[in-house]
């Protein structure tokens, strides 16, 4: 379903607010019908009164709408990446050493990766026996 078709479907659903609420409820509740019904204040019998093919269509509309929201959100975030990086770099010049340090850590963690914690794995004083086997295929 393309964006134009999705908009058309959503516009048509405005004439049936309960069904539009179901679509939104399904999205908000990760497509859990029981939770969506609770959220919109409808009973299971109300849901079962919707013909099966129409219910499947409502679920498909919800999935498409959710996908469109996710794609739009990712576009917004991707478009903000450069600005966010510029902000972090500007913070490196702050007069406040705490701000500089926090910005430095953010930049280094993003570019180099977070520093790893050293683990001290010991046997607690007991002997460690390592057995090596040769696998002859």
N, C-alpha and C. Protein backbone atom coordinates (compact mmCIF):
# COMPACT_ATOMS: atom_id res chain seq x y z
N UNK A 1 0.86 -1.18 0.00
CA UNK A 1 0.00 0.00 0.00
C UNK A 1 0.90 1.24 0.00
N UNK A 2 0.70 2.10 -0.99
CA UNK A 2 1.52 3.31 -1.05
C UNK A 2 0.95 4.39 -0.12
N UNK A 3 1.70 5.48 0.01
CA UNK A 3 1.33 6.54 0.96
C UNK A 3 -0.02 7.16 0.62
N UNK A 4 -0.29 7.34 -0.66
CA UNK A 4 -1.55 7.93 -1.09
C UNK A 4 -2.73 7.02 -0.70
N UNK A 5 -2.58 5.74 -0.93
CA UNK A 5 -3.63 4.78 -0.58
C UNK A 5 -3.84 4.72 0.94
N UNK A 6 -2.73 4.78 1.69
CA UNK A 6 -2.83 4.76 3.15
C UNK A 6 -3.59 6.00 3.64
N UNK A 7 -3.27 7.16 3.11
CA UNK A 7 -3.97 8.39 3.50
C UNK A 7 -5.46 8.28 3.18
N UNK A 8 -5.77 7.71 2.03
CA UNK A 8 -7.18 7.52 1.64
C UNK A 8 -7.88 6.61 2.64
N UNK A 9 -7.24 5.50 2.99
CA UNK A 9 -7.83 4.54 3.94
C UNK A 9 -8.05 5.21 5.30
N UNK A 10 -7.06 5.96 5.77
CA UNK A 10 -7.19 6.63 7.07
C UNK A 10 -8.29 7.70 7.04
N UNK A 11 -8.40 8.40 5.93
CA UNK A 11 -9.45 9.41 5.79
C UNK A 11 -10.83 8.75 5.84
N UNK A 12 -10.98 7.62 5.17
CA UNK A 12 -12.24 6.89 5.20
C UNK A 12 -12.56 6.40 6.61
N UNK A 13 -11.53 6.02 7.36
CA UNK A 13 -11.74 5.53 8.72
C UNK A 13 -12.22 6.62 9.67
N UNK A 14 -12.00 7.88 9.32
CA UNK A 14 -12.46 8.97 10.18
C UNK A 14 -13.98 8.95 10.36
N UNK A 15 -14.68 8.35 9.40
CA UNK A 15 -16.14 8.27 9.51
C UNK A 15 -16.58 7.17 10.49
N UNK A 16 -15.64 6.32 10.89
CA UNK A 16 -15.91 5.29 11.90
C UNK A 16 -14.85 5.41 13.00
N UNK A 17 -15.05 6.36 13.92
CA UNK A 17 -14.04 6.66 14.93
C UNK A 17 -13.60 5.45 15.77
N UNK A 18 -14.52 4.52 16.04
CA UNK A 18 -14.16 3.34 16.84
C UNK A 18 -13.12 2.49 16.12
N UNK A 19 -13.29 2.35 14.82
CA UNK A 19 -12.35 1.53 14.04
C UNK A 19 -11.00 2.26 13.90
N UNK A 20 -11.06 3.57 13.76
CA UNK A 20 -9.82 4.35 13.72
C UNK A 20 -9.10 4.23 15.06
N UNK A 21 -9.86 4.27 16.16
CA UNK A 21 -9.27 4.08 17.48
C UNK A 21 -8.63 2.70 17.60
N UNK A 22 -9.27 1.69 17.01
CA UNK A 22 -8.70 0.34 17.03
C UNK A 22 -7.35 0.32 16.31
N UNK A 23 -7.28 0.97 15.16
CA UNK A 23 -6.02 1.03 14.40
C UNK A 23 -4.93 1.67 15.27
N UNK A 24 -5.25 2.78 15.89
CA UNK A 24 -4.26 3.46 16.76
C UNK A 24 -3.92 2.61 17.97
N UNK A 25 -4.93 1.96 18.54
CA UNK A 25 -4.70 1.09 19.70
C UNK A 25 -3.80 -0.08 19.36
N UNK A 26 -3.99 -0.66 18.19
CA UNK A 26 -3.14 -1.78 17.76
C UNK A 26 -1.68 -1.33 17.66
N UNK A 27 -1.49 -0.15 17.10
CA UNK A 27 -0.12 0.37 16.97
C UNK A 27 0.48 0.61 18.36
N UNK A 28 -0.28 1.27 19.23
CA UNK A 28 0.22 1.60 20.56
C UNK A 28 0.51 0.36 21.40
N UNK A 29 -0.21 -0.71 21.14
CA UNK A 29 -0.08 -1.94 21.96
C UNK A 29 0.66 -3.05 21.21
N UNK A 30 1.50 -2.67 20.26
CA UNK A 30 2.30 -3.62 19.49
C UNK A 30 1.45 -4.75 18.90
N UNK A 31 0.28 -4.41 18.41
CA UNK A 31 -0.62 -5.31 17.70
C UNK A 31 -1.20 -6.41 18.59
N UNK A 32 -1.21 -6.17 19.90
CA UNK A 32 -1.87 -7.07 20.84
C UNK A 32 -3.34 -6.64 20.91
N UNK A 33 -4.21 -7.47 20.35
CA UNK A 33 -5.63 -7.10 20.25
C UNK A 33 -6.26 -6.88 21.62
N UNK A 34 -5.95 -7.76 22.58
CA UNK A 34 -6.54 -7.64 23.92
C UNK A 34 -6.17 -6.32 24.55
N UNK A 35 -4.89 -5.97 24.50
CA UNK A 35 -4.42 -4.70 25.07
C UNK A 35 -5.00 -3.50 24.33
N UNK A 36 -5.10 -3.63 23.00
CA UNK A 36 -5.65 -2.53 22.21
C UNK A 36 -7.11 -2.29 22.59
N UNK A 37 -7.88 -3.38 22.78
CA UNK A 37 -9.28 -3.23 23.19
C UNK A 37 -9.40 -2.55 24.54
N UNK A 38 -8.53 -2.92 25.47
CA UNK A 38 -8.53 -2.27 26.79
C UNK A 38 -8.26 -0.78 26.63
N UNK A 39 -7.27 -0.47 25.81
CA UNK A 39 -6.85 0.92 25.63
C UNK A 39 -7.99 1.78 25.06
N UNK A 40 -8.75 1.22 24.14
CA UNK A 40 -9.82 2.02 23.52
C UNK A 40 -11.18 1.81 24.19
N UNK A 41 -11.20 0.96 25.21
CA UNK A 41 -12.44 0.77 25.97
C UNK A 41 -13.51 -0.02 25.25
N UNK A 42 -13.09 -0.99 24.46
CA UNK A 42 -14.04 -1.83 23.72
C UNK A 42 -13.92 -3.28 24.19
N UNK A 43 -15.00 -4.02 23.99
CA UNK A 43 -15.02 -5.43 24.41
C UNK A 43 -14.60 -6.35 23.27
N UNK A 44 -14.30 -7.59 23.64
CA UNK A 44 -13.97 -8.58 22.61
C UNK A 44 -15.16 -8.83 21.70
N UNK A 45 -16.37 -8.78 22.28
CA UNK A 45 -17.56 -9.01 21.44
C UNK A 45 -17.68 -7.91 20.38
N UNK A 46 -17.29 -6.68 20.72
CA UNK A 46 -17.29 -5.61 19.72
C UNK A 46 -16.32 -5.96 18.59
N UNK A 47 -15.14 -6.46 18.97
CA UNK A 47 -14.14 -6.83 17.97
C UNK A 47 -14.66 -7.95 17.08
N UNK A 48 -15.30 -8.95 17.70
CA UNK A 48 -15.80 -10.09 16.93
C UNK A 48 -16.99 -9.73 16.05
N UNK A 49 -17.61 -8.57 16.32
CA UNK A 49 -18.73 -8.13 15.47
C UNK A 49 -18.23 -7.56 14.14
N UNK A 50 -16.94 -7.28 14.06
CA UNK A 50 -16.35 -6.77 12.82
C UNK A 50 -16.10 -7.97 11.91
N UNK A 51 -16.59 -7.93 10.68
CA UNK A 51 -16.33 -9.05 9.76
C UNK A 51 -14.82 -9.33 9.64
N UNK A 52 -14.48 -10.61 9.53
CA UNK A 52 -13.07 -11.03 9.55
C UNK A 52 -12.24 -10.33 8.47
N UNK A 53 -12.76 -10.22 7.27
CA UNK A 53 -12.00 -9.57 6.19
C UNK A 53 -11.77 -8.09 6.49
N UNK A 54 -12.76 -7.45 7.10
CA UNK A 54 -12.61 -6.04 7.47
C UNK A 54 -11.59 -5.88 8.61
N UNK A 55 -11.61 -6.81 9.57
CA UNK A 55 -10.64 -6.77 10.66
C UNK A 55 -9.22 -6.95 10.13
N UNK A 56 -9.05 -7.88 9.20
CA UNK A 56 -7.74 -8.08 8.58
C UNK A 56 -7.28 -6.82 7.87
N UNK A 57 -8.22 -6.13 7.22
CA UNK A 57 -7.88 -4.88 6.53
C UNK A 57 -7.47 -3.80 7.54
N UNK A 58 -8.17 -3.73 8.67
CA UNK A 58 -7.82 -2.76 9.71
C UNK A 58 -6.43 -3.05 10.27
N UNK A 59 -6.11 -4.31 10.48
CA UNK A 59 -4.79 -4.70 10.97
C UNK A 59 -3.72 -4.32 9.95
N UNK A 60 -4.02 -4.56 8.67
CA UNK A 60 -3.07 -4.20 7.61
C UNK A 60 -2.86 -2.69 7.56
N UNK A 61 -3.93 -1.93 7.71
CA UNK A 61 -3.81 -0.46 7.74
C UNK A 61 -2.94 -0.04 8.92
N UNK A 62 -3.16 -0.67 10.07
CA UNK A 62 -2.37 -0.34 11.26
C UNK A 62 -0.89 -0.64 11.01
N UNK A 63 -0.60 -1.77 10.40
CA UNK A 63 0.80 -2.13 10.10
C UNK A 63 1.44 -1.14 9.14
N UNK A 64 0.70 -0.79 8.11
CA UNK A 64 1.23 0.17 7.12
C UNK A 64 1.44 1.55 7.76
N UNK A 65 0.48 1.97 8.58
CA UNK A 65 0.58 3.26 9.25
C UNK A 65 1.77 3.27 10.21
N UNK A 66 1.93 2.18 10.95
CA UNK A 66 3.06 2.05 11.87
C UNK A 66 4.38 2.11 11.10
N UNK A 67 4.45 1.41 9.98
CA UNK A 67 5.66 1.42 9.16
C UNK A 67 5.97 2.83 8.66
N UNK A 68 4.92 3.54 8.22
CA UNK A 68 5.10 4.91 7.73
C UNK A 68 5.63 5.81 8.85
N UNK A 69 5.08 5.64 10.05
CA UNK A 69 5.55 6.42 11.20
C UNK A 69 7.02 6.12 11.49
N UNK A 70 7.38 4.84 11.48
CA UNK A 70 8.76 4.45 11.75
C UNK A 70 9.71 5.03 10.70
N UNK A 71 9.32 4.99 9.45
CA UNK A 71 10.18 5.51 8.38
C UNK A 71 10.34 7.03 8.51
N UNK A 72 9.25 7.72 8.82
CA UNK A 72 9.32 9.18 8.99
C UNK A 72 10.22 9.53 10.18
N UNK A 73 10.06 8.77 11.25
CA UNK A 73 10.88 9.00 12.45
C UNK A 73 12.36 8.80 12.13
N UNK A 74 12.69 7.74 11.40
CA UNK A 74 14.09 7.49 11.04
C UNK A 74 14.63 8.60 10.15
N UNK A 75 13.81 9.11 9.24
CA UNK A 75 14.25 10.23 8.39
C UNK A 75 14.58 11.45 9.23
N UNK A 76 13.74 11.74 10.20
CA UNK A 76 13.96 12.90 11.08
C UNK A 76 15.27 12.72 11.85
N UNK A 77 15.48 11.53 12.39
CA UNK A 77 16.69 11.27 13.17
C UNK A 77 17.93 11.33 12.28
N UNK A 78 17.86 10.73 11.09
CA UNK A 78 19.01 10.76 10.18
C UNK A 78 19.36 12.19 9.79
N UNK A 79 18.33 13.01 9.58
CA UNK A 79 18.58 14.40 9.21
C UNK A 79 19.16 15.22 10.35
N UNK A 80 19.03 14.75 11.57
CA UNK A 80 19.54 15.49 12.74
C UNK A 80 20.94 15.03 13.15
N UNK A 81 21.45 13.99 12.54
CA UNK A 81 22.75 13.44 12.95
C UNK A 81 23.87 14.47 12.81
N UNK A 82 23.94 15.15 11.70
CA UNK A 82 25.01 16.14 11.48
C UNK A 82 24.93 17.25 12.52
N UNK A 83 23.73 17.72 12.76
CA UNK A 83 23.56 18.79 13.76
C UNK A 83 23.98 18.30 15.15
N UNK A 84 23.59 17.09 15.49
CA UNK A 84 23.96 16.54 16.80
C UNK A 84 25.48 16.43 16.94
N UNK A 85 26.14 16.00 15.87
CA UNK A 85 27.60 15.91 15.90
C UNK A 85 28.23 17.29 16.05
N UNK A 86 27.69 18.28 15.36
CA UNK A 86 28.20 19.64 15.47
C UNK A 86 28.03 20.18 16.89
N UNK A 87 26.91 19.88 17.51
CA UNK A 87 26.68 20.31 18.89
C UNK A 87 27.72 19.70 19.81
N UNK A 88 27.98 18.40 19.65
CA UNK A 88 28.97 17.74 20.50
C UNK A 88 30.35 18.37 20.31
N UNK A 89 30.72 18.66 19.09
CA UNK A 89 32.03 19.26 18.82
C UNK A 89 32.11 20.67 19.42
N UNK A 90 31.04 21.45 19.32
CA UNK A 90 31.02 22.79 19.91
C UNK A 90 31.17 22.73 21.43
N UNK A 91 30.59 21.71 22.03
CA UNK A 91 30.68 21.57 23.48
C UNK A 91 32.11 21.30 23.95
N UNK A 92 32.95 20.82 23.07
CA UNK A 92 34.36 20.59 23.42
C UNK A 92 35.06 21.91 23.75
N UNK A 93 34.53 23.02 23.27
CA UNK A 93 35.11 24.33 23.52
C UNK A 93 34.45 25.06 24.69
N UNK A 94 33.63 24.38 25.44
CA UNK A 94 32.93 25.00 26.57
C UNK A 94 33.92 25.50 27.62
N UNK A 95 33.51 26.51 28.37
CA UNK A 95 34.35 27.01 29.46
C UNK A 95 34.23 26.11 30.69
N UNK A 96 33.16 25.34 30.75
CA UNK A 96 32.93 24.44 31.89
C UNK A 96 33.63 23.11 31.62
N UNK A 97 34.60 22.78 32.45
CA UNK A 97 35.37 21.54 32.26
C UNK A 97 34.50 20.29 32.31
N UNK A 98 33.44 20.33 33.10
CA UNK A 98 32.55 19.16 33.18
C UNK A 98 31.83 18.94 31.85
N UNK A 99 31.43 20.03 31.22
CA UNK A 99 30.76 19.93 29.92
C UNK A 99 31.75 19.42 28.87
N UNK A 100 32.98 19.96 28.91
CA UNK A 100 34.02 19.50 27.97
C UNK A 100 34.27 18.01 28.12
N UNK A 101 34.39 17.58 29.39
CA UNK A 101 34.67 16.17 29.64
C UNK A 101 33.54 15.28 29.12
N UNK A 102 32.29 15.67 29.42
CA UNK A 102 31.15 14.88 28.97
C UNK A 102 31.11 14.81 27.44
N UNK A 103 31.36 15.95 26.79
CA UNK A 103 31.37 15.97 25.32
C UNK A 103 32.51 15.13 24.77
N UNK A 104 33.67 15.22 25.41
CA UNK A 104 34.82 14.42 24.97
C UNK A 104 34.51 12.93 25.04
N UNK A 105 33.92 12.52 26.15
CA UNK A 105 33.58 11.12 26.32
C UNK A 105 32.58 10.68 25.24
N UNK A 106 31.58 11.50 24.98
CA UNK A 106 30.59 11.17 23.95
C UNK A 106 31.26 10.99 22.59
N UNK A 107 32.11 11.93 22.22
CA UNK A 107 32.77 11.87 20.92
C UNK A 107 33.67 10.64 20.83
N UNK A 108 34.49 10.43 21.86
CA UNK A 108 35.39 9.29 21.84
C UNK A 108 34.64 7.96 21.82
N UNK A 109 33.58 7.87 22.62
CA UNK A 109 32.80 6.63 22.65
C UNK A 109 32.18 6.33 21.29
N UNK A 110 31.76 7.37 20.58
CA UNK A 110 31.14 7.17 19.26
C UNK A 110 32.17 6.79 18.20
N UNK A 111 33.35 7.38 18.29
CA UNK A 111 34.35 7.16 17.25
C UNK A 111 35.21 5.93 17.53
N UNK A 112 35.74 5.84 18.74
CA UNK A 112 36.65 4.76 19.09
C UNK A 112 35.91 3.58 19.69
N UNK A 113 34.86 3.86 20.41
CA UNK A 113 34.13 2.82 21.13
C UNK A 113 34.36 3.01 22.62
N UNK A 114 33.42 2.52 23.39
CA UNK A 114 33.54 2.67 24.84
C UNK A 114 34.72 1.87 25.36
N UNK A 115 35.34 2.40 26.40
CA UNK A 115 36.44 1.68 27.04
C UNK A 115 35.89 0.41 27.67
N UNK A 116 36.64 -0.66 27.56
CA UNK A 116 36.19 -1.93 28.13
C UNK A 116 36.64 -2.05 29.56
N UNK A 117 35.87 -2.74 30.35
CA UNK A 117 36.25 -3.02 31.73
C UNK A 117 37.17 -4.23 31.74
N UNK A 118 38.21 -4.16 32.55
CA UNK A 118 39.09 -5.30 32.68
C UNK A 118 38.47 -6.29 33.64
N UNK A 119 38.53 -7.54 33.27
CA UNK A 119 38.02 -8.59 34.13
C UNK A 119 39.19 -9.40 34.67
N UNK A 120 39.18 -9.61 35.96
CA UNK A 120 40.21 -10.44 36.58
C UNK A 120 39.56 -11.79 36.88
N UNK A 121 39.87 -12.75 36.02
CA UNK A 121 39.31 -14.08 36.19
C UNK A 121 40.39 -14.95 36.81
N UNK A 122 40.15 -15.37 38.04
CA UNK A 122 41.12 -16.22 38.73
C UNK A 122 40.44 -17.48 39.20
N UNK A 123 41.25 -18.42 39.62
CA UNK A 123 40.71 -19.70 40.08
C UNK A 123 40.47 -19.70 41.58
N UNK A 124 40.72 -18.59 42.23
CA UNK A 124 40.54 -18.56 43.68
C UNK A 124 41.62 -19.36 44.39
N UNK A 125 42.79 -19.50 43.79
CA UNK A 125 43.90 -20.22 44.43
C UNK A 125 43.99 -21.69 44.04
N UNK A 126 42.99 -22.21 43.35
CA UNK A 126 43.03 -23.62 42.95
C UNK A 126 43.78 -23.76 41.64
N UNK A 127 44.30 -24.99 41.42
CA UNK A 127 45.01 -25.26 40.17
C UNK A 127 44.04 -25.19 38.99
N UNK A 128 44.56 -24.66 37.92
CA UNK A 128 43.78 -24.64 36.69
C UNK A 128 44.44 -25.64 35.75
N UNK A 129 43.66 -26.59 35.30
CA UNK A 129 44.17 -27.60 34.38
C UNK A 129 43.54 -27.36 33.02
N UNK A 130 44.40 -27.21 32.03
CA UNK A 130 43.94 -27.01 30.67
C UNK A 130 44.33 -28.23 29.87
N UNK A 131 43.35 -28.88 29.26
CA UNK A 131 43.60 -30.06 28.46
C UNK A 131 43.39 -29.71 27.01
N UNK A 132 44.41 -29.97 26.19
CA UNK A 132 44.32 -29.68 24.77
C UNK A 132 44.16 -31.00 24.03
N UNK A 133 43.24 -31.03 23.10
CA UNK A 133 43.04 -32.22 22.28
C UNK A 133 43.28 -31.85 20.84
N UNK A 134 43.81 -32.79 20.11
CA UNK A 134 43.98 -32.59 18.68
C UNK A 134 42.83 -33.31 18.00
N UNK A 135 42.15 -32.60 17.13
CA UNK A 135 41.01 -33.18 16.43
C UNK A 135 41.51 -33.71 15.11
N UNK A 136 41.49 -35.01 14.94
CA UNK A 136 41.97 -35.65 13.70
C UNK A 136 40.79 -36.02 12.82
N UNK A 137 40.51 -35.17 11.86
CA UNK A 137 39.40 -35.47 10.95
C UNK A 137 39.84 -36.34 9.81
